[in-house]
Amino acid sequence: MEHVSEMVWELFKQQRGFAKTKDIVKLGVTNYYIRKLEEEGKIVRIKQGLYRHANYEPEQFNEWIEISKIIPNGVVCLLSAMSYYELTTYNPWEYQVAIFRYAKKPSLPEYPPIKVMYFSDNRFHLGVDEVVMDGNRIQIYDREKTICDMIFYREKVGIDLMKEGLRNYLKQPGKNITKLMKYAQALRVKTILQKYLEVLL
């Protein structure tokens, strides 16, 4: 069992703390031993077919990495992206992740709480950026796309939060108004954006 634990530990280290059941089975480890490792608290089941090693503690470990493993084709959006960019003081109680409208619905764990948003082709693919945390690539919409999405979904997320995000965005040194207007045009929120900009600028 100790030899099995060492083999599994090496696999998890190579994969930055995460591994799928099929990856562990490829080592010659049976499902029985996988369950045993879980019972002993050495690995943590995130969802069906996906585990995190309990002893793996990267410098920047947080739930963002887990989210990227749970929904590998998802993109962090709306309030979660706002929070990441420090555009809001609001601390979302759930992670908002966008997937393509026609993509297969992902299976979600009870924790962390995730709200899946189904985006159309143009809305899904526009403005996708990447951040790297402990070697893990996490897809997230850039600031300008996030603002446009907040405007589009303002009734759902809250107009006050949308205004706060836009106000804080305008204060940030890295803002790109040209890109913001380009996205707004493509996503059909340009008229609404201009109305708020007239008040805030």
C-alpha atoms as a PDB file:
ATOM      1  CA  MET A   1       0.000   0.000   0.000  1.00  0.00           C
ATOM      2  CA  GLU A   2       2.883   2.345   0.818  1.00  0.00           C
ATOM      3  CA  HIS A   3       4.383   1.753  -2.633  1.00  0.00           C
ATOM      4  CA  VAL A   4       1.016   2.534  -4.206  1.00  0.00           C
ATOM      5  CA  SER A   5       0.756   5.755  -2.162  1.00  0.00           C
ATOM      6  CA  GLU A   6       4.201   6.876  -3.371  1.00  0.00           C
ATOM      7  CA  MET A   7       3.335   6.178  -7.019  1.00  0.00           C
ATOM      8  CA  VAL A   8       0.077   8.086  -6.701  1.00  0.00           C
ATOM      9  CA  TRP A   9       1.823  10.949  -4.887  1.00  0.00           C
ATOM     10  CA  GLU A  10       4.301  11.307  -7.768  1.00  0.00           C
ATOM     11  CA  LEU A  11       1.440  11.423 -10.267  1.00  0.00           C
ATOM     12  CA  PHE A  12      -0.361  14.135  -8.319  1.00  0.00           C
ATOM     13  CA  LYS A  13       2.851  16.173  -7.994  1.00  0.00           C
ATOM     14  CA  GLN A  14       3.408  15.982 -11.760  1.00  0.00           C
ATOM     15  CA  GLN A  15      -0.162  17.167 -12.362  1.00  0.00           C
ATOM     16  CA  ARG A  16      -0.066  20.038  -9.855  1.00  0.00           C
ATOM     17  CA  GLY A  17      -2.102  18.308  -7.176  1.00  0.00           C
ATOM     18  CA  PHE A  18      -4.921  16.888  -9.315  1.00  0.00           C
ATOM     19  CA  ALA A  19      -5.549  13.597 -11.131  1.00  0.00           C
ATOM     20  CA  LYS A  20      -8.374  11.836 -12.887  1.00  0.00           C
ATOM     21  CA  THR A  21      -9.370   8.282 -11.994  1.00  0.00           C
ATOM     22  CA  LYS A  22      -8.207   7.067 -15.409  1.00  0.00           C
ATOM     23  CA  ASP A  23      -4.730   8.565 -14.798  1.00  0.00           C
ATOM     24  CA  ILE A  24      -4.425   6.691 -11.496  1.00  0.00           C
ATOM     25  CA  VAL A  25      -5.694   3.427 -13.026  1.00  0.00           C
ATOM     26  CA  LYS A  26      -3.023   3.717 -15.762  1.00  0.00           C
ATOM     27  CA  LEU A  27      -0.420   3.303 -12.992  1.00  0.00           C
ATOM     28  CA  GLY A  28      -1.885  -0.132 -12.294  1.00  0.00           C
ATOM     29  CA  VAL A  29      -3.780   1.069  -9.224  1.00  0.00           C
ATOM     30  CA  THR A  30      -7.165  -0.605  -8.814  1.00  0.00           C
ATOM     31  CA  ASN A  31     -10.419   1.152  -7.951  1.00  0.00           C
ATOM     32  CA  TYR A  32     -10.265  -0.641  -4.606  1.00  0.00           C
ATOM     33  CA  TYR A  33      -6.982   1.099  -3.726  1.00  0.00           C
ATOM     34  CA  ILE A  34      -8.309   4.437  -4.975  1.00  0.00           C
ATOM     35  CA  ARG A  35     -11.246   4.118  -2.570  1.00  0.00           C
ATOM     36  CA  LYS A  36      -8.794   3.082   0.164  1.00  0.00           C
ATOM     37  CA  LEU A  37      -6.676   6.193  -0.401  1.00  0.00           C
ATOM     38  CA  GLU A  38      -9.824   8.297  -0.234  1.00  0.00           C
ATOM     39  CA  GLU A  39     -10.965   6.614   3.005  1.00  0.00           C
ATOM     40  CA  GLU A  40      -7.542   7.248   4.544  1.00  0.00           C
ATOM     41  CA  GLY A  41      -7.831  10.930   3.645  1.00  0.00           C
ATOM     42  CA  LYS A  42      -4.810  10.881   1.317  1.00  0.00           C
ATOM     43  CA  ILE A  43      -6.827  11.979  -1.705  1.00  0.00           C
ATOM     44  CA  VAL A  44      -9.986  14.083  -1.836  1.00  0.00           C
ATOM     45  CA  ARG A  45     -12.764  13.371  -4.324  1.00  0.00           C
ATOM     46  CA  ILE A  46     -13.830  16.615  -5.992  1.00  0.00           C
ATOM     47  CA  LYS A  47     -16.374  15.012  -8.302  1.00  0.00           C
ATOM     48  CA  GLN A  48     -16.793  11.724 -10.116  1.00  0.00           C
ATOM     49  CA  GLY A  49     -13.509  10.865 -11.792  1.00  0.00           C
ATOM     50  CA  LEU A  50     -11.491  13.763 -10.339  1.00  0.00           C
ATOM     51  CA  TYR A  51      -9.325  13.882  -7.205  1.00  0.00           C
ATOM     52  CA  ARG A  52      -7.050  16.315  -5.376  1.00  0.00           C
ATOM     53  CA  HIS A  53      -4.157  15.111  -3.217  1.00  0.00           C
ATOM     54  CA  ALA A  54      -4.704  16.119   0.412  1.00  0.00           C
ATOM     55  CA  ASN A  55      -1.005  16.845   1.018  1.00  0.00           C
ATOM     56  CA  TYR A  56      -0.393  18.959  -2.059  1.00  0.00           C
ATOM     57  CA  GLU A  57      -0.153  22.580  -0.950  1.00  0.00           C
ATOM     58  CA  PRO A  58       0.940  24.938  -3.724  1.00  0.00           C
ATOM     59  CA  GLU A  59       1.840  28.494  -2.772  1.00  0.00           C
ATOM     60  CA  GLN A  60      -1.280  29.942  -4.359  1.00  0.00           C
ATOM     61  CA  PHE A  61      -3.709  27.090  -3.731  1.00  0.00           C
ATOM     62  CA  ASN A  62      -7.289  28.195  -3.874  1.00  0.00           C
ATOM     63  CA  GLU A  63     -10.602  27.125  -5.304  1.00  0.00           C
ATOM     64  CA  TRP A  64      -9.963  28.809  -8.668  1.00  0.00           C
ATOM     65  CA  ILE A  65      -7.720  25.875  -9.582  1.00  0.00           C
ATOM     66  CA  GLU A  66     -10.389  23.356  -8.568  1.00  0.00           C
ATOM     67  CA  ILE A  67     -12.954  25.196 -10.701  1.00  0.00           C
ATOM     68  CA  SER A  68     -10.678  24.973 -13.749  1.00  0.00           C
ATOM     69  CA  LYS A  69     -10.400  21.198 -13.237  1.00  0.00           C
ATOM     70  CA  ILE A  70     -14.119  20.681 -12.660  1.00  0.00           C
ATOM     71  CA  ILE A  71     -15.083  22.638 -15.808  1.00  0.00           C
ATOM     72  CA  PRO A  72     -11.958  22.554 -18.008  1.00  0.00           C
ATOM     73  CA  ASN A  73     -13.700  24.297 -20.938  1.00  0.00           C
ATOM     74  CA  GLY A  74     -15.370  26.914 -18.752  1.00  0.00           C
ATOM     75  CA  VAL A  75     -14.493  30.599 -18.465  1.00  0.00           C
ATOM     76  CA  VAL A  76     -14.729  32.513 -15.181  1.00  0.00           C
ATOM     77  CA  CYS A  77     -17.267  35.291 -15.722  1.00  0.00           C
ATOM     78  CA  LEU A  78     -19.472  38.037 -14.276  1.00  0.00           C
ATOM     79  CA  LEU A  79     -19.203  38.560 -10.492  1.00  0.00           C
ATOM     80  CA  SER A  80     -16.413  35.987 -10.121  1.00  0.00           C
ATOM     81  CA  ALA A  81     -14.321  37.791 -12.750  1.00  0.00           C
ATOM     82  CA  MET A  82     -15.203  41.154 -11.155  1.00  0.00           C
ATOM     83  CA  SER A  83     -13.985  39.853  -7.812  1.00  0.00           C
ATOM     84  CA  TYR A  84     -10.751  38.515  -9.336  1.00  0.00           C
ATOM     85  CA  TYR A  85      -9.992  41.902 -10.942  1.00  0.00           C
ATOM     86  CA  GLU A  86     -10.933  43.709  -7.700  1.00  0.00           C
ATOM     87  CA  LEU A  87     -13.674  45.631  -9.462  1.00  0.00           C
ATOM     88  CA  THR A  88     -16.107  44.987  -6.625  1.00  0.00           C
ATOM     89  CA  THR A  89     -16.092  44.792  -2.843  1.00  0.00           C
ATOM     90  CA  TYR A  90     -18.842  42.164  -3.051  1.00  0.00           C
ATOM     91  CA  ASN A  91     -17.675  38.649  -2.237  1.00  0.00           C
ATOM     92  CA  PRO A  92     -19.710  36.219  -4.391  1.00  0.00           C
ATOM     93  CA  TRP A  93     -20.981  33.146  -2.515  1.00  0.00           C
ATOM     94  CA  GLU A  94     -20.771  31.032  -5.679  1.00  0.00           C
ATOM     95  CA  TYR A  95     -18.409  30.852  -8.648  1.00  0.00           C
ATOM     96  CA  GLN A  96     -19.896  31.934 -11.973  1.00  0.00           C
ATOM     97  CA  VAL A  97     -18.475  30.049 -14.947  1.00  0.00           C
ATOM     98  CA  ALA A  98     -19.538  30.375 -18.575  1.00  0.00           C
ATOM     99  CA  ILE A  99     -19.721  27.459 -20.990  1.00  0.00           C
ATOM    100  CA  PHE A 100     -20.775  27.376 -24.627  1.00  0.00           C
ATOM    101  CA  ARG A 101     -24.554  27.163 -24.985  1.00  0.00           C
ATOM    102  CA  TYR A 102     -24.468  23.805 -26.789  1.00  0.00           C
ATOM    103  CA  ALA A 103     -21.760  22.206 -24.653  1.00  0.00           C
ATOM    104  CA  LYS A 104     -22.567  19.203 -22.508  1.00  0.00           C
ATOM    105  CA  LYS A 105     -23.729  20.191 -19.032  1.00  0.00           C
ATOM    106  CA  PRO A 106     -20.848  19.513 -16.597  1.00  0.00           C
ATOM    107  CA  SER A 107     -21.338  17.380 -13.496  1.00  0.00           C
ATOM    108  CA  LEU A 108     -20.830  19.602 -10.467  1.00  0.00           C
ATOM    109  CA  PRO A 109     -19.781  18.786  -6.906  1.00  0.00           C
ATOM    110  CA  GLU A 110     -21.659  20.087  -3.878  1.00  0.00           C
ATOM    111  CA  TYR A 111     -18.618  22.204  -3.042  1.00  0.00           C
ATOM    112  CA  PRO A 112     -17.322  24.608  -4.186  1.00  0.00           C
ATOM    113  CA  PRO A 113     -20.673  26.149  -5.264  1.00  0.00           C
ATOM    114  CA  ILE A 114     -20.696  26.834  -9.003  1.00  0.00           C
ATOM    115  CA  LYS A 115     -23.270  28.647 -11.142  1.00  0.00           C
ATOM    116  CA  VAL A 116     -22.991  27.675 -14.818  1.00  0.00           C
ATOM    117  CA  MET A 117     -23.898  30.363 -17.354  1.00  0.00           C
ATOM    118  CA  TYR A 118     -24.704  29.309 -20.919  1.00  0.00           C
ATOM    119  CA  PHE A 119     -23.276  31.815 -23.412  1.00  0.00           C
ATOM    120  CA  SER A 120     -23.971  32.060 -27.148  1.00  0.00           C
ATOM    121  CA  ASP A 121     -21.113  31.618 -29.643  1.00  0.00           C
ATOM    122  CA  ASN A 122     -20.072  35.275 -29.872  1.00  0.00           C
ATOM    123  CA  ARG A 123     -20.505  35.981 -26.156  1.00  0.00           C
ATOM    124  CA  PHE A 124     -18.621  32.832 -25.151  1.00  0.00           C
ATOM    125  CA  HIS A 125     -15.529  33.226 -27.338  1.00  0.00           C
ATOM    126  CA  LEU A 126     -15.004  36.992 -27.121  1.00  0.00           C
ATOM    127  CA  GLY A 127     -12.512  38.380 -24.609  1.00  0.00           C
ATOM    128  CA  VAL A 128     -11.202  35.099 -23.175  1.00  0.00           C
ATOM    129  CA  ASP A 129      -7.973  35.570 -21.226  1.00  0.00           C
ATOM    130  CA  GLU A 130      -5.795  33.222 -19.157  1.00  0.00           C
ATOM    131  CA  VAL A 131      -4.205  33.497 -15.751  1.00  0.00           C
ATOM    132  CA  VAL A 132      -1.690  30.994 -14.398  1.00  0.00           C
ATOM    133  CA  MET A 133      -1.842  29.825 -10.788  1.00  0.00           C
ATOM    134  CA  ASP A 134       0.801  27.333  -9.650  1.00  0.00           C
ATOM    135  CA  GLY A 135       1.239  26.135 -13.218  1.00  0.00           C
ATOM    136  CA  ASN A 136      -2.509  25.719 -13.790  1.00  0.00           C
ATOM    137  CA  ARG A 137      -4.082  27.730 -16.598  1.00  0.00           C
ATOM    138  CA  ILE A 138      -7.422  29.268 -15.716  1.00  0.00           C
ATOM    139  CA  GLN A 139      -9.634  30.823 -18.373  1.00  0.00           C
ATOM    140  CA  ILE A 140     -11.262  34.105 -17.402  1.00  0.00           C
ATOM    141  CA  TYR A 141     -12.831  36.945 -19.373  1.00  0.00           C
ATOM    142  CA  ASP A 142     -10.756  40.107 -19.498  1.00  0.00           C
ATOM    143  CA  ARG A 143     -11.884  43.278 -17.725  1.00  0.00           C
ATOM    144  CA  GLU A 144     -13.607  44.844 -20.721  1.00  0.00           C
ATOM    145  CA  LYS A 145     -15.598  41.715 -21.571  1.00  0.00           C
ATOM    146  CA  THR A 146     -16.560  41.328 -17.904  1.00  0.00           C
ATOM    147  CA  ILE A 147     -17.952  44.880 -17.820  1.00  0.00           C
ATOM    148  CA  CYS A 148     -19.977  44.252 -20.995  1.00  0.00           C
ATOM    149  CA  ASP A 149     -21.363  40.998 -19.580  1.00  0.00           C
ATOM    150  CA  MET A 150     -22.285  42.765 -16.350  1.00  0.00           C
ATOM    151  CA  ILE A 151     -24.212  45.354 -18.349  1.00  0.00           C
ATOM    152  CA  PHE A 152     -25.977  42.658 -20.390  1.00  0.00           C
ATOM    153  CA  TYR A 153     -26.942  40.669 -17.269  1.00  0.00           C
ATOM    154  CA  ARG A 154     -27.489  43.755 -15.059  1.00  0.00           C
ATOM    155  CA  GLU A 155     -31.025  42.695 -14.084  1.00  0.00           C
ATOM    156  CA  LYS A 156     -29.744  39.302 -12.898  1.00  0.00           C
ATOM    157  CA  VAL A 157     -26.560  40.373 -11.126  1.00  0.00           C
ATOM    158  CA  GLY A 158     -27.824  43.702  -9.834  1.00  0.00           C
ATOM    159  CA  ILE A 159     -27.604  47.169 -11.356  1.00  0.00           C
ATOM    160  CA  ASP A 160     -25.729  48.534  -8.322  1.00  0.00           C
ATOM    161  CA  LEU A 161     -23.015  45.880  -8.700  1.00  0.00           C
ATOM    162  CA  MET A 162     -22.776  46.596 -12.417  1.00  0.00           C
ATOM    163  CA  LYS A 163     -22.343  50.335 -11.710  1.00  0.00           C
ATOM    164  CA  GLU A 164     -19.731  49.626  -9.039  1.00  0.00           C
ATOM    165  CA  GLY A 165     -17.775  47.463 -11.470  1.00  0.00           C
ATOM    166  CA  LEU A 166     -17.848  50.096 -14.216  1.00  0.00           C
ATOM    167  CA  ARG A 167     -16.922  52.874 -11.772  1.00  0.00           C
ATOM    168  CA  ASN A 168     -13.930  50.907 -10.436  1.00  0.00           C
ATOM    169  CA  TYR A 169     -12.884  49.886 -13.945  1.00  0.00           C
ATOM    170  CA  LEU A 170     -12.710  53.540 -14.999  1.00  0.00           C
ATOM    171  CA  LYS A 171     -10.365  54.226 -12.044  1.00  0.00           C
ATOM    172  CA  GLN A 172      -7.923  51.456 -12.968  1.00  0.00           C
ATOM    173  CA  PRO A 173      -4.755  52.493 -14.846  1.00  0.00           C
ATOM    174  CA  GLY A 174      -4.966  49.535 -17.240  1.00  0.00           C
ATOM    175  CA  LYS A 175      -8.407  50.400 -18.630  1.00  0.00           C
ATOM    176  CA  ASN A 176      -8.892  50.291 -22.401  1.00  0.00           C
ATOM    177  CA  ILE A 177     -11.946  52.319 -23.409  1.00  0.00           C
ATOM    178  CA  THR A 178     -11.407  51.581 -27.112  1.00  0.00           C
ATOM    179  CA  LYS A 179     -11.552  47.845 -26.481  1.00  0.00           C
ATOM    180  CA  LEU A 180     -14.510  48.300 -24.118  1.00  0.00           C
ATOM    181  CA  MET A 181     -16.507  50.116 -26.807  1.00  0.00           C
ATOM    182  CA  LYS A 182     -15.528  47.523 -29.422  1.00  0.00           C
ATOM    183  CA  TYR A 183     -16.799  44.701 -27.190  1.00  0.00           C
ATOM    184  CA  ALA A 184     -19.945  46.672 -26.347  1.00  0.00           C
ATOM    185  CA  GLN A 185     -20.691  47.068 -30.059  1.00  0.00           C
ATOM    186  CA  ALA A 186     -20.188  43.343 -30.718  1.00  0.00           C
ATOM    187  CA  LEU A 187     -22.332  42.364 -27.720  1.00  0.00           C
ATOM    188  CA  ARG A 188     -25.068  44.927 -28.399  1.00  0.00           C
ATOM    189  CA  VAL A 189     -24.753  46.885 -25.190  1.00  0.00           C
ATOM    190  CA  LYS A 190     -23.020  49.985 -26.616  1.00  0.00           C
ATOM    191  CA  THR A 191     -26.014  52.322 -26.192  1.00  0.00           C
ATOM    192  CA  ILE A 192     -26.504  51.304 -22.548  1.00  0.00           C
ATOM    193  CA  LEU A 193     -22.769  51.551 -21.846  1.00  0.00           C
ATOM    194  CA  GLN A 194     -22.620  55.062 -23.319  1.00  0.00           C
ATOM    195  CA  LYS A 195     -25.521  56.128 -21.106  1.00  0.00           C
ATOM    196  CA  TYR A 196     -23.648  55.034 -17.966  1.00  0.00           C
ATOM    197  CA  LEU A 197     -20.344  56.459 -19.182  1.00  0.00           C
ATOM    198  CA  GLU A 198     -21.928  59.899 -19.649  1.00  0.00           C
ATOM    199  CA  VAL A 199     -22.874  59.865 -15.973  1.00  0.00           C
ATOM    200  CA  LEU A 200     -19.593  58.448 -14.654  1.00  0.00           C
ATOM    201  CA  LEU A 201     -16.990  60.177 -16.837  1.00  0.00           C
END
